[in-house]
Full PDB file with SEQRES, HELIX, SHEET, SSBOND, CRYST1, ORIGX, SCALE, CONECT and MASTER records, all heavy atoms in Angstrom:
SEQRES   1 A   44  LYS LEU ALA VAL GLU GLY ILE VAL VAL ASN GLN TYR GLN          
SEQRES   2 A   44  ALA ARG ALA SER LEU PRO GLN LYS VAL VAL GLN GLU LEU          
SEQRES   3 A   44  ILE GLU GLU GLY LEU PRO VAL LEU GLU PRO TYR LEU SER          
SEQRES   4 A   44  SER SER ILE LYS ILE                                          
HELIX    1 AA1 SER A   17  GLU A   28  1                                  12    
CRYST1    1.000    1.000    1.000  90.00  90.00  90.00 P 1           1          
ORIGX1      1.000000  0.000000  0.000000        0.00000                         
ORIGX2      0.000000  1.000000  0.000000        0.00000                         
ORIGX3      0.000000  0.000000  1.000000        0.00000                         
SCALE1      1.000000  0.000000  0.000000        0.00000                         
SCALE2      0.000000  1.000000  0.000000        0.00000                         
SCALE3      0.000000  0.000000  1.000000        0.00000                         
ATOM      1  N   LYS A   1     294.267  74.635 182.535  1.00  0.00           N  
ATOM      2  CA  LYS A   1     292.878  74.498 182.098  1.00  0.00           C  
ATOM      3  C   LYS A   1     292.769  73.800 180.733  1.00  0.00           C  
ATOM      4  O   LYS A   1     291.668  73.483 180.281  1.00  0.00           O  
ATOM      5  CB  LYS A   1     292.206  75.865 182.013  1.00  0.00           C  
ATOM      6  CG  LYS A   1     292.085  76.569 183.368  1.00  0.00           C  
ATOM      7  CD  LYS A   1     291.411  77.923 183.211  1.00  0.00           C  
ATOM      8  CE  LYS A   1     291.305  78.638 184.559  1.00  0.00           C  
ATOM      9  NZ  LYS A   1     290.697  79.982 184.399  1.00  0.00           N  
ATOM     10  N   LEU A   2     293.896  73.571 180.080  1.00  0.00           N  
ATOM     11  CA  LEU A   2     293.885  72.994 178.744  1.00  0.00           C  
ATOM     12  C   LEU A   2     293.535  71.503 178.790  1.00  0.00           C  
ATOM     13  O   LEU A   2     294.091  70.754 179.581  1.00  0.00           O  
ATOM     14  CB  LEU A   2     295.265  73.174 178.096  1.00  0.00           C  
ATOM     15  CG  LEU A   2     295.436  72.616 176.686  1.00  0.00           C  
ATOM     16  CD1 LEU A   2     294.526  73.340 175.695  1.00  0.00           C  
ATOM     17  CD2 LEU A   2     296.897  72.745 176.242  1.00  0.00           C  
ATOM     18  N   ALA A   3     292.611  71.102 177.920  1.00  0.00           N  
ATOM     19  CA  ALA A   3     292.225  69.685 177.834  1.00  0.00           C  
ATOM     20  C   ALA A   3     292.219  69.256 176.374  1.00  0.00           C  
ATOM     21  O   ALA A   3     291.861  70.038 175.488  1.00  0.00           O  
ATOM     22  CB  ALA A   3     290.837  69.473 178.429  1.00  0.00           C  
ATOM     23  N   VAL A   4     292.632  68.019 176.128  1.00  0.00           N  
ATOM     24  CA  VAL A   4     292.480  67.452 174.783  1.00  0.00           C  
ATOM     25  C   VAL A   4     291.016  67.066 174.631  1.00  0.00           C  
ATOM     26  O   VAL A   4     290.544  66.116 175.248  1.00  0.00           O  
ATOM     27  CB  VAL A   4     293.404  66.242 174.580  1.00  0.00           C  
ATOM     28  CG1 VAL A   4     293.114  65.586 173.231  1.00  0.00           C  
ATOM     29  CG2 VAL A   4     294.868  66.661 174.649  1.00  0.00           C  
ATOM     30  N   GLU A   5     290.309  67.832 173.838  1.00  0.00           N  
ATOM     31  CA  GLU A   5     288.866  67.616 173.681  1.00  0.00           C  
ATOM     32  C   GLU A   5     288.581  66.360 172.868  1.00  0.00           C  
ATOM     33  O   GLU A   5     287.581  65.687 173.094  1.00  0.00           O  
ATOM     34  CB  GLU A   5     288.253  68.846 173.009  1.00  0.00           C  
ATOM     35  CG  GLU A   5     286.758  68.912 173.068  1.00  0.00           C  
ATOM     36  CD  GLU A   5     286.236  70.251 172.621  1.00  0.00           C  
ATOM     37  OE1 GLU A   5     286.980  71.021 171.970  1.00  0.00           O  
ATOM     38  OE2 GLU A   5     285.072  70.549 172.922  1.00  0.00           O  
ATOM     39  N   GLY A   6     289.470  66.064 171.940  1.00  0.00           N  
ATOM     40  CA  GLY A   6     289.263  64.848 171.173  1.00  0.00           C  
ATOM     41  C   GLY A   6     290.032  64.835 169.870  1.00  0.00           C  
ATOM     42  O   GLY A   6     290.591  65.840 169.427  1.00  0.00           O  
ATOM     43  N   ILE A   7     290.068  63.655 169.268  1.00  0.00           N  
ATOM     44  CA  ILE A   7     290.708  63.437 167.975  1.00  0.00           C  
ATOM     45  C   ILE A   7     289.616  63.402 166.911  1.00  0.00           C  
ATOM     46  O   ILE A   7     288.657  62.634 167.015  1.00  0.00           O  
ATOM     47  CB  ILE A   7     291.497  62.117 167.985  1.00  0.00           C  
ATOM     48  CG1 ILE A   7     292.645  62.204 169.004  1.00  0.00           C  
ATOM     49  CG2 ILE A   7     292.021  61.777 166.590  1.00  0.00           C  
ATOM     50  CD1 ILE A   7     293.272  60.871 169.339  1.00  0.00           C  
ATOM     51  N   VAL A   8     289.750  64.269 165.912  1.00  0.00           N  
ATOM     52  CA  VAL A   8     288.763  64.356 164.835  1.00  0.00           C  
ATOM     53  C   VAL A   8     289.271  63.540 163.654  1.00  0.00           C  
ATOM     54  O   VAL A   8     290.267  63.893 163.015  1.00  0.00           O  
ATOM     55  CB  VAL A   8     288.528  65.817 164.406  1.00  0.00           C  
ATOM     56  CG1 VAL A   8     287.517  65.874 163.252  1.00  0.00           C  
ATOM     57  CG2 VAL A   8     288.040  66.647 165.582  1.00  0.00           C  
ATOM     58  N   VAL A   9     288.606  62.447 163.363  1.00  0.00           N  
ATOM     59  CA  VAL A   9     288.990  61.592 162.238  1.00  0.00           C  
ATOM     60  C   VAL A   9     288.503  62.244 160.954  1.00  0.00           C  
ATOM     61  O   VAL A   9     287.303  62.437 160.756  1.00  0.00           O  
ATOM     62  CB  VAL A   9     288.410  60.174 162.397  1.00  0.00           C  
ATOM     63  CG1 VAL A   9     288.739  59.324 161.179  1.00  0.00           C  
ATOM     64  CG2 VAL A   9     288.938  59.530 163.674  1.00  0.00           C  
ATOM     65  N   ASN A  10     289.448  62.576 160.075  1.00  0.00           N  
ATOM     66  CA  ASN A  10     289.121  63.321 158.862  1.00  0.00           C  
ATOM     67  C   ASN A  10     289.457  62.491 157.621  1.00  0.00           C  
ATOM     68  O   ASN A  10     290.310  61.610 157.665  1.00  0.00           O  
ATOM     69  CB  ASN A  10     289.916  64.632 158.848  1.00  0.00           C  
ATOM     70  CG  ASN A  10     289.437  65.589 157.782  1.00  0.00           C  
ATOM     71  OD1 ASN A  10     288.255  65.617 157.436  1.00  0.00           O  
ATOM     72  ND2 ASN A  10     290.339  66.387 157.237  1.00  0.00           N  
ATOM     73  N   GLN A  11     288.762  62.795 156.505  1.00  0.00           N  
ATOM     74  CA  GLN A  11     288.982  62.118 155.231  1.00  0.00           C  
ATOM     75  C   GLN A  11     288.834  60.594 155.396  1.00  0.00           C  
ATOM     76  O   GLN A  11     289.621  59.810 154.872  1.00  0.00           O  
ATOM     77  CB  GLN A  11     290.371  62.474 154.664  1.00  0.00           C  
ATOM     78  CG  GLN A  11     290.543  63.975 154.449  1.00  0.00           C  
ATOM     79  CD  GLN A  11     291.943  64.332 153.999  1.00  0.00           C  
ATOM     80  OE1 GLN A  11     292.414  63.810 152.993  1.00  0.00           O  
ATOM     81  NE2 GLN A  11     292.628  65.219 154.715  1.00  0.00           N  
ATOM     82  N   TYR A  12     287.818  60.217 156.146  1.00  0.00           N  
ATOM     83  CA  TYR A  12     287.611  58.808 156.477  1.00  0.00           C  
ATOM     84  C   TYR A  12     286.935  58.076 155.326  1.00  0.00           C  
ATOM     85  O   TYR A  12     285.938  58.539 154.778  1.00  0.00           O  
ATOM     86  CB  TYR A  12     286.746  58.700 157.733  1.00  0.00           C  
ATOM     87  CG  TYR A  12     286.562  57.299 158.243  1.00  0.00           C  
ATOM     88  CD1 TYR A  12     287.617  56.605 158.816  1.00  0.00           C  
ATOM     89  CD2 TYR A  12     285.319  56.664 158.161  1.00  0.00           C  
ATOM     90  CE1 TYR A  12     287.455  55.315 159.304  1.00  0.00           C  
ATOM     91  CE2 TYR A  12     285.144  55.375 158.651  1.00  0.00           C  
ATOM     92  CZ  TYR A  12     286.219  54.707 159.222  1.00  0.00           C  
ATOM     93  OH  TYR A  12     286.052  53.435 159.706  1.00  0.00           O  
ATOM     94  N   GLN A  13     287.495  56.926 154.965  1.00  0.00           N  
ATOM     95  CA  GLN A  13     286.915  56.076 153.918  1.00  0.00           C  
ATOM     96  C   GLN A  13     286.431  54.790 154.579  1.00  0.00           C  
ATOM     97  O   GLN A  13     287.225  53.898 154.896  1.00  0.00           O  
ATOM     98  CB  GLN A  13     287.949  55.799 152.833  1.00  0.00           C  
ATOM     99  CG  GLN A  13     288.385  57.063 152.090  1.00  0.00           C  
ATOM    100  CD  GLN A  13     289.506  56.796 151.107  1.00  0.00           C  
ATOM    101  OE1 GLN A  13     290.533  56.236 151.455  1.00  0.00           O  
ATOM    102  NE2 GLN A  13     289.291  57.211 149.866  1.00  0.00           N  
ATOM    103  N   ALA A  14     285.136  54.708 154.767  1.00  0.00           N  
ATOM    104  CA  ALA A  14     284.554  53.613 155.552  1.00  0.00           C  
ATOM    105  C   ALA A  14     284.760  52.246 154.916  1.00  0.00           C  
ATOM    106  O   ALA A  14     284.788  51.230 155.607  1.00  0.00           O  
ATOM    107  CB  ALA A  14     283.065  53.867 155.753  1.00  0.00           C  
ATOM    108  N   ARG A  15     284.928  52.219 153.597  1.00  0.00           N  
ATOM    109  CA  ARG A  15     285.064  50.927 152.908  1.00  0.00           C  
ATOM    110  C   ARG A  15     286.515  50.447 152.835  1.00  0.00           C  
ATOM    111  O   ARG A  15     286.767  49.321 152.401  1.00  0.00           O  
ATOM    112  CB  ARG A  15     284.472  51.024 151.500  1.00  0.00           C  
ATOM    113  CG  ARG A  15     282.969  51.285 151.505  1.00  0.00           C  
ATOM    114  CD  ARG A  15     282.424  51.340 150.092  1.00  0.00           C  
ATOM    115  NE  ARG A  15     280.995  51.634 150.090  1.00  0.00           N  
ATOM    116  CZ  ARG A  15     280.261  51.757 148.980  1.00  0.00           C  
ATOM    117  NH1 ARG A  15     280.841  51.602 147.792  1.00  0.00           N  
ATOM    118  NH2 ARG A  15     278.975  52.032 149.057  1.00  0.00           N  
ATOM    119  N   ALA A  16     287.450  51.294 153.206  1.00  0.00           N  
ATOM    120  CA  ALA A  16     288.867  50.911 153.169  1.00  0.00           C  
ATOM    121  C   ALA A  16     289.261  50.284 154.504  1.00  0.00           C  
ATOM    122  O   ALA A  16     288.862  50.762 155.565  1.00  0.00           O  
ATOM    123  CB  ALA A  16     289.725  52.134 152.863  1.00  0.00           C  
ATOM    124  N   SER A  17     290.061  49.241 154.448  1.00  0.00           N  
ATOM    125  CA  SER A  17     290.392  48.505 155.673  1.00  0.00           C  
ATOM    126  C   SER A  17     291.394  49.236 156.558  1.00  0.00           C  
ATOM    127  O   SER A  17     291.288  49.177 157.784  1.00  0.00           O  
ATOM    128  CB  SER A  17     290.931  47.118 155.321  1.00  0.00           C  
ATOM    129  OG  SER A  17     292.092  47.231 154.510  1.00  0.00           O  
ATOM    130  N   LEU A  18     292.368  49.955 155.971  1.00  0.00           N  
ATOM    131  CA  LEU A  18     293.394  50.597 156.779  1.00  0.00           C  
ATOM    132  C   LEU A  18     292.826  51.677 157.704  1.00  0.00           C  
ATOM    133  O   LEU A  18     293.126  51.677 158.912  1.00  0.00           O  
ATOM    134  CB  LEU A  18     294.499  51.182 155.896  1.00  0.00           C  
ATOM    135  CG  LEU A  18     295.626  51.893 156.663  1.00  0.00           C  
ATOM    136  CD1 LEU A  18     296.335  50.930 157.612  1.00  0.00           C  
ATOM    137  CD2 LEU A  18     296.634  52.512 155.686  1.00  0.00           C  
ATOM    138  N   PRO A  19     291.986  52.608 157.208  1.00  0.00           N  
ATOM    139  CA  PRO A  19     291.412  53.601 158.127  1.00  0.00           C  
ATOM    140  C   PRO A  19     290.638  52.957 159.275  1.00  0.00           C  
ATOM    141  O   PRO A  19     290.765  53.388 160.427  1.00  0.00           O  
ATOM    142  CB  PRO A  19     290.481  54.427 157.232  1.00  0.00           C  
ATOM    143  CG  PRO A  19     291.045  54.277 155.868  1.00  0.00           C  
ATOM    144  CD  PRO A  19     291.591  52.890 155.813  1.00  0.00           C  
ATOM    145  N   GLN A  20     289.851  51.927 158.975  1.00  0.00           N  
ATOM    146  CA  GLN A  20     289.101  51.243 160.028  1.00  0.00           C  
ATOM    147  C   GLN A  20     290.033  50.659 161.083  1.00  0.00           C  
ATOM    148  O   GLN A  20     289.803  50.788 162.286  1.00  0.00           O  
ATOM    149  CB  GLN A  20     288.251  50.117 159.428  1.00  0.00           C  
ATOM    150  CG  GLN A  20     287.118  50.592 158.541  1.00  0.00           C  
ATOM    151  CD  GLN A  20     286.302  49.429 158.006  1.00  0.00           C  
ATOM    152  OE1 GLN A  20     285.969  48.499 158.735  1.00  0.00           O  
ATOM    153  NE2 GLN A  20     285.989  49.461 156.724  1.00  0.00           N  
ATOM    154  N   LYS A  21     291.106  50.020 160.614  1.00  0.00           N  
ATOM    155  CA  LYS A  21     292.064  49.374 161.510  1.00  0.00           C  
ATOM    156  C   LYS A  21     292.762  50.410 162.396  1.00  0.00           C  
ATOM    157  O   LYS A  21     292.857  50.236 163.621  1.00  0.00           O  
ATOM    158  CB  LYS A  21     293.091  48.599 160.682  1.00  0.00           C  
ATOM    159  CG  LYS A  21     294.206  47.937 161.494  1.00  0.00           C  
ATOM    160  CD  LYS A  21     295.114  47.134 160.557  1.00  0.00           C  
ATOM    161  CE  LYS A  21     296.266  46.504 161.324  1.00  0.00           C  
ATOM    162  NZ  LYS A  21     297.245  47.514 161.766  1.00  0.00           N  
ATOM    163  N   VAL A  22     293.251  51.498 161.781  1.00  0.00           N  
ATOM    164  CA  VAL A  22     293.999  52.515 162.531  1.00  0.00           C  
ATOM    165  C   VAL A  22     293.111  53.188 163.573  1.00  0.00           C  
ATOM    166  O   VAL A  22     293.506  53.355 164.737  1.00  0.00           O  
ATOM    167  CB  VAL A  22     294.601  53.570 161.570  1.00  0.00           C  
ATOM    168  CG1 VAL A  22     295.202  54.730 162.351  1.00  0.00           C  
ATOM    169  CG2 VAL A  22     295.664  52.935 160.689  1.00  0.00           C  
ATOM    170  N   VAL A  23     291.903  53.556 163.181  1.00  0.00           N  
ATOM    171  CA  VAL A  23     290.991  54.226 164.117  1.00  0.00           C  
ATOM    172  C   VAL A  23     290.600  53.292 165.261  1.00  0.00           C  
ATOM    173  O   VAL A  23     290.553  53.698 166.426  1.00  0.00           O  
ATOM    174  CB  VAL A  23     289.741  54.748 163.379  1.00  0.00           C  
ATOM    175  CG1 VAL A  23     288.700  55.261 164.375  1.00  0.00           C  
ATOM    176  CG2 VAL A  23     290.126  55.863 162.411  1.00  0.00           C  
ATOM    177  N   GLN A  24     290.328  52.036 164.947  1.00  0.00           N  
ATOM    178  CA  GLN A  24     289.960  51.080 165.987  1.00  0.00           C  
ATOM    179  C   GLN A  24     291.097  50.899 166.992  1.00  0.00           C  
ATOM    180  O   GLN A  24     290.858  50.782 168.206  1.00  0.00           O  
ATOM    181  CB  GLN A  24     289.593  49.729 165.362  1.00  0.00           C  
ATOM    182  CG  GLN A  24     289.053  48.710 166.353  1.00  0.00           C  
ATOM    183  CD  GLN A  24     287.827  49.202 167.112  1.00  0.00           C  
ATOM    184  OE1 GLN A  24     286.955  49.867 166.564  1.00  0.00           O  
ATOM    185  NE2 GLN A  24     287.768  48.884 168.415  1.00  0.00           N  
ATOM    186  N   GLU A  25     292.327  50.894 166.517  1.00  0.00           N  
ATOM    187  CA  GLU A  25     293.478  50.764 167.418  1.00  0.00           C  
ATOM    188  C   GLU A  25     293.594  51.978 168.349  1.00  0.00           C  
ATOM    189  O   GLU A  25     293.929  51.835 169.527  1.00  0.00           O  
ATOM    190  CB  GLU A  25     294.758  50.573 166.607  1.00  0.00           C  
ATOM    191  CG  GLU A  25     294.850  49.185 165.987  1.00  0.00           C  
ATOM    192  CD  GLU A  25     296.020  49.042 165.030  1.00  0.00           C  
ATOM    193  OE1 GLU A  25     296.663  50.075 164.716  1.00  0.00           O  
ATOM    194  OE2 GLU A  25     296.287  47.909 164.581  1.00  0.00           O  
ATOM    195  N   LEU A  26     293.304  53.169 167.832  1.00  0.00           N  
ATOM    196  CA  LEU A  26     293.321  54.366 168.683  1.00  0.00           C  
ATOM    197  C   LEU A  26     292.270  54.252 169.792  1.00  0.00           C  
ATOM    198  O   LEU A  26     292.524  54.597 170.948  1.00  0.00           O  
ATOM    199  CB  LEU A  26     293.057  55.624 167.853  1.00  0.00           C  
ATOM    200  CG  LEU A  26     294.105  56.028 166.814  1.00  0.00           C  
ATOM    201  CD1 LEU A  26     293.677  57.310 166.117  1.00  0.00           C  
ATOM    202  CD2 LEU A  26     295.473  56.208 167.440  1.00  0.00           C  
ATOM    203  N   ILE A  27     291.094  53.772 169.419  1.00  0.00           N  
ATOM    204  CA  ILE A  27     290.007  53.612 170.400  1.00  0.00           C  
ATOM    205  C   ILE A  27     290.403  52.598 171.465  1.00  0.00           C  
ATOM    206  O   ILE A  27     290.201  52.814 172.664  1.00  0.00           O  
ATOM    207  CB  ILE A  27     288.700  53.188 169.685  1.00  0.00           C  
ATOM    208  CG1 ILE A  27     288.197  54.326 168.787  1.00  0.00           C  
ATOM    209  CG2 ILE A  27     287.633  52.803 170.706  1.00  0.00           C  
ATOM    210  CD1 ILE A  27     287.066  53.919 167.861  1.00  0.00           C  
ATOM    211  N   GLU A  28     290.996  51.490 171.020  1.00  0.00           N  
ATOM    212  CA  GLU A  28     291.397  50.443 171.959  1.00  0.00           C  
ATOM    213  C   GLU A  28     292.501  50.908 172.912  1.00  0.00           C  
ATOM    214  O   GLU A  28     292.627  50.401 174.029  1.00  0.00           O  
ATOM    215  CB  GLU A  28     291.856  49.208 171.184  1.00  0.00           C  
ATOM    216  CG  GLU A  28     290.704  48.478 170.509  1.00  0.00           C  
ATOM    217  CD  GLU A  28     291.167  47.370 169.573  1.00  0.00           C  
ATOM    218  OE1 GLU A  28     292.403  47.185 169.445  1.00  0.00           O  
ATOM    219  OE2 GLU A  28     290.295  46.710 168.964  1.00  0.00           O  
ATOM    220  N   GLU A  29     293.278  51.883 172.481  1.00  0.00           N  
ATOM    221  CA  GLU A  29     294.314  52.449 173.342  1.00  0.00           C  
ATOM    222  C   GLU A  29     293.754  53.472 174.336  1.00  0.00           C  
ATOM    223  O   GLU A  29     294.481  54.014 175.154  1.00  0.00           O  
ATOM    224  CB  GLU A  29     295.396  53.114 172.485  1.00  0.00           C  
ATOM    225  CG  GLU A  29     296.250  52.122 171.718  1.00  0.00           C  
ATOM    226  CD  GLU A  29     297.183  52.803 170.731  1.00  0.00           C  
ATOM    227  OE1 GLU A  29     297.383  54.031 170.856  1.00  0.00           O  
ATOM    228  OE2 GLU A  29     297.718  52.119 169.840  1.00  0.00           O  
ATOM    229  N   GLY A  30     292.461  53.722 174.238  1.00  0.00           N  
ATOM    230  CA  GLY A  30     291.817  54.645 175.177  1.00  0.00           C  
ATOM    231  C   GLY A  30     291.916  56.101 174.789  1.00  0.00           C  
ATOM    232  O   GLY A  30     291.630  56.988 175.616  1.00  0.00           O  
ATOM    233  N   LEU A  31     292.297  56.397 173.544  1.00  0.00           N  
ATOM    234  CA  LEU A  31     292.409  57.784 173.098  1.00  0.00           C  
ATOM    235  C   LEU A  31     291.018  58.347 172.786  1.00  0.00           C  
ATOM    236  O   LEU A  31     290.121  57.613 172.360  1.00  0.00           O  
ATOM    237  CB  LEU A  31     293.319  57.876 171.878  1.00  0.00           C  
ATOM    238  CG  LEU A  31     294.782  57.506 172.151  1.00  0.00           C  
ATOM    239  CD1 LEU A  31     295.593  57.520 170.870  1.00  0.00           C  
ATOM    240  CD2 LEU A  31     295.401  58.443 173.181  1.00  0.00           C  
ATOM    241  N   PRO A  32     290.826  59.652 172.995  1.00  0.00           N  
ATOM    242  CA  PRO A  32     289.483  60.250 172.858  1.00  0.00           C  
ATOM    243  C   PRO A  32     289.090  60.520 171.405  1.00  0.00           C  
ATOM    244  O   PRO A  32     289.077  61.666 170.946  1.00  0.00           O  
ATOM    245  CB  PRO A  32     289.615  61.559 173.647  1.00  0.00           C  
ATOM    246  CG  PRO A  32     291.054  61.937 173.492  1.00  0.00           C  
ATOM    247  CD  PRO A  32     291.825  60.637 173.468  1.00  0.00           C  
ATOM    248  N   VAL A  33     288.754  59.471 170.686  1.00  0.00           N  
ATOM    249  CA  VAL A  33     288.343  59.609 169.288  1.00  0.00           C  
ATOM    250  C   VAL A  33     286.890  60.062 169.239  1.00  0.00           C  
ATOM    251  O   VAL A  33     286.004  59.430 169.827  1.00  0.00           O  
ATOM    252  CB  VAL A  33     288.515  58.277 168.537  1.00  0.00           C  
ATOM    253  CG1 VAL A  33     288.031  58.407 167.099  1.00  0.00           C  
ATOM    254  CG2 VAL A  33     289.979  57.835 168.577  1.00  0.00           C  
ATOM    255  N   LEU A  34     286.639  61.155 168.540  1.00  0.00           N  
ATOM    256  CA  LEU A  34     285.295  61.729 168.469  1.00  0.00           C  
ATOM    257  C   LEU A  34     284.490  61.123 167.320  1.00  0.00           C  
ATOM    258  O   LEU A  34     285.042  60.736 166.297  1.00  0.00           O  
ATOM    259  CB  LEU A  34     285.381  63.243 168.284  1.00  0.00           C  
ATOM    260  CG  LEU A  34     286.022  64.034 169.431  1.00  0.00           C  
ATOM    261  CD1 LEU A  34     286.301  65.465 168.998  1.00  0.00           C  
ATOM    262  CD2 LEU A  34     285.121  64.018 170.663  1.00  0.00           C  
ATOM    263  N   GLU A  35     283.197  61.076 167.507  1.00  0.00           N  
ATOM    264  CA  GLU A  35     282.289  60.665 166.436  1.00  0.00           C  
ATOM    265  C   GLU A  35     281.324  61.799 166.143  1.00  0.00           C  
ATOM    266  O   GLU A  35     281.008  62.578 167.022  1.00  0.00           O  
ATOM    267  CB  GLU A  35     281.521  59.403 166.855  1.00  0.00           C  
ATOM    268  CG  GLU A  35     282.410  58.175 166.975  1.00  0.00           C  
ATOM    269  CD  GLU A  35     281.579  56.910 167.135  1.00  0.00           C  
ATOM    270  OE1 GLU A  35     280.828  56.584 166.192  1.00  0.00           O  
ATOM    271  OE2 GLU A  35     281.684  56.277 168.192  1.00  0.00           O  
ATOM    272  N   PRO A  36     280.834  61.903 164.903  1.00  0.00           N  
ATOM    273  CA  PRO A  36     281.115  61.007 163.789  1.00  0.00           C  
ATOM    274  C   PRO A  36     282.469  61.312 163.137  1.00  0.00           C  
ATOM    275  O   PRO A  36     283.058  62.363 163.377  1.00  0.00           O  
ATOM    276  CB  PRO A  36     279.980  61.323 162.815  1.00  0.00           C  
ATOM    277  CG  PRO A  36     279.713  62.785 163.053  1.00  0.00           C  
ATOM    278  CD  PRO A  36     279.892  62.979 164.530  1.00  0.00           C  
ATOM    279  N   TYR A  37     282.931  60.378 162.308  1.00  0.00           N  
ATOM    280  CA  TYR A  37     284.122  60.601 161.514  1.00  0.00           C  
ATOM    281  C   TYR A  37     283.727  61.422 160.279  1.00  0.00           C  
ATOM    282  O   TYR A  37     282.599  61.325 159.803  1.00  0.00           O  
ATOM    283  CB  TYR A  37     284.742  59.277 161.070  1.00  0.00           C  
ATOM    284  CG  TYR A  37     284.923  58.277 162.194  1.00  0.00           C  
ATOM    285  CD1 TYR A  37     284.848  56.904 161.953  1.00  0.00           C  
ATOM    286  CD2 TYR A  37     285.165  58.698 163.507  1.00  0.00           C  
ATOM    287  CE1 TYR A  37     285.014  55.980 162.971  1.00  0.00           C  
ATOM    288  CE2 TYR A  37     285.322  57.785 164.536  1.00  0.00           C  
ATOM    289  CZ  TYR A  37     285.237  56.431 164.275  1.00  0.00           C  
ATOM    290  OH  TYR A  37     285.392  55.519 165.293  1.00  0.00           O  
ATOM    291  N   LEU A  38     284.654  62.238 159.795  1.00  0.00           N  
ATOM    292  CA  LEU A  38     284.372  63.095 158.642  1.00  0.00           C  
ATOM    293  C   LEU A  38     284.776  62.381 157.355  1.00  0.00           C  
ATOM    294  O   LEU A  38     285.930  61.991 157.186  1.00  0.00           O  
ATOM    295  CB  LEU A  38     285.130  64.420 158.774  1.00  0.00           C  
ATOM    296  CG  LEU A  38     284.816  65.235 160.035  1.00  0.00           C  
ATOM    297  CD1 LEU A  38     285.723  66.465 160.119  1.00  0.00           C  
ATOM    298  CD2 LEU A  38     283.345  65.662 160.068  1.00  0.00           C  
ATOM    299  N   SER A  39     283.815  62.217 156.477  1.00  0.00           N  
ATOM    300  CA  SER A  39     284.041  61.464 155.244  1.00  0.00           C  
ATOM    301  C   SER A  39     284.960  62.207 154.276  1.00  0.00           C  
ATOM    302  O   SER A  39     285.031  63.438 154.274  1.00  0.00           O  
ATOM    303  CB  SER A  39     282.714  61.197 154.533  1.00  0.00           C  
ATOM    304  OG  SER A  39     281.839  60.468 155.358  1.00  0.00           O  
ATOM    305  N   SER A  40     285.630  61.427 153.447  1.00  0.00           N  
ATOM    306  CA  SER A  40     286.381  61.997 152.332  1.00  0.00           C  
ATOM    307  C   SER A  40     285.381  62.377 151.239  1.00  0.00           C  
ATOM    308  O   SER A  40     284.523  61.580 150.867  1.00  0.00           O  
ATOM    309  CB  SER A  40     287.375  60.961 151.812  1.00  0.00           C  
ATOM    310  OG  SER A  40     288.086  61.456 150.713  1.00  0.00           O  
ATOM    311  N   SER A  41     285.461  63.618 150.752  1.00  0.00           N  
ATOM    312  CA  SER A  41     284.497  64.065 149.741  1.00  0.00           C  
ATOM    313  C   SER A  41     285.111  65.140 148.847  1.00  0.00           C  
ATOM    314  O   SER A  41     285.768  66.061 149.325  1.00  0.00           O  
ATOM    315  CB  SER A  41     283.242  64.629 150.416  1.00  0.00           C  
ATOM    316  OG  SER A  41     282.382  65.203 149.458  1.00  0.00           O  
ATOM    317  N   ILE A  42     284.863  65.022 147.551  1.00  0.00           N  
ATOM    318  CA  ILE A  42     285.325  66.025 146.592  1.00  0.00           C  
ATOM    319  C   ILE A  42     284.597  67.354 146.802  1.00  0.00           C  
ATOM    320  O   ILE A  42     285.069  68.425 146.396  1.00  0.00           O  
ATOM    321  CB  ILE A  42     285.126  65.507 145.143  1.00  0.00           C  
ATOM    322  CG1 ILE A  42     285.908  66.338 144.140  1.00  0.00           C  
ATOM    323  CG2 ILE A  42     283.649  65.461 144.788  1.00  0.00           C  
ATOM    324  CD1 ILE A  42     287.407  66.167 144.231  1.00  0.00           C  
ATOM    325  N   LYS A  43     283.445  67.303 147.472  1.00  0.00           N  
ATOM    326  CA  LYS A  43     282.634  68.511 147.683  1.00  0.00           C  
ATOM    327  C   LYS A  43     283.387  69.557 148.496  1.00  0.00           C  
ATOM    328  O   LYS A  43     283.155  70.751 148.334  1.00  0.00           O  
ATOM    329  CB  LYS A  43     281.336  68.121 148.401  1.00  0.00           C  
ATOM    330  CG  LYS A  43     280.258  69.204 148.377  1.00  0.00           C  
ATOM    331  CD  LYS A  43     279.622  69.325 147.011  1.00  0.00           C  
ATOM    332  CE  LYS A  43     278.424  70.267 147.030  1.00  0.00           C  
ATOM    333  NZ  LYS A  43     277.815  70.407 145.689  1.00  0.00           N  
ATOM    334  N   ILE A  44     284.311  69.115 149.344  1.00  0.00           N  
ATOM    335  CA  ILE A  44     285.029  70.066 150.186  1.00  0.00           C  
ATOM    336  C   ILE A  44     285.913  70.982 149.341  1.00  0.00           C  
ATOM    337  O   ILE A  44     286.141  72.145 149.694  1.00  0.00           O  
ATOM    338  CB  ILE A  44     285.844  69.343 151.284  1.00  0.00           C  
ATOM    339  CG1 ILE A  44     286.188  70.308 152.411  1.00  0.00           C  
ATOM    340  CG2 ILE A  44     287.099  68.695 150.722  1.00  0.00           C  
ATOM    341  CD1 ILE A  44     285.003  70.794 153.203  1.00  0.00           C  
TER     342      ILE A  44                                                      
MASTER        0    0    0    1    0    0    0    6  341    1    0    4          
END                                                                             
């Protein structure tokens, strides 16, 4: 009954190129990336 519900992208920096590139590659590979992505924040 176990299912991979999804990949939670954490500490995401939208203005940095590497996070965008890595996440996009996961999506293109068909992996279940969930939205929205969780931003990096000092508030946590």
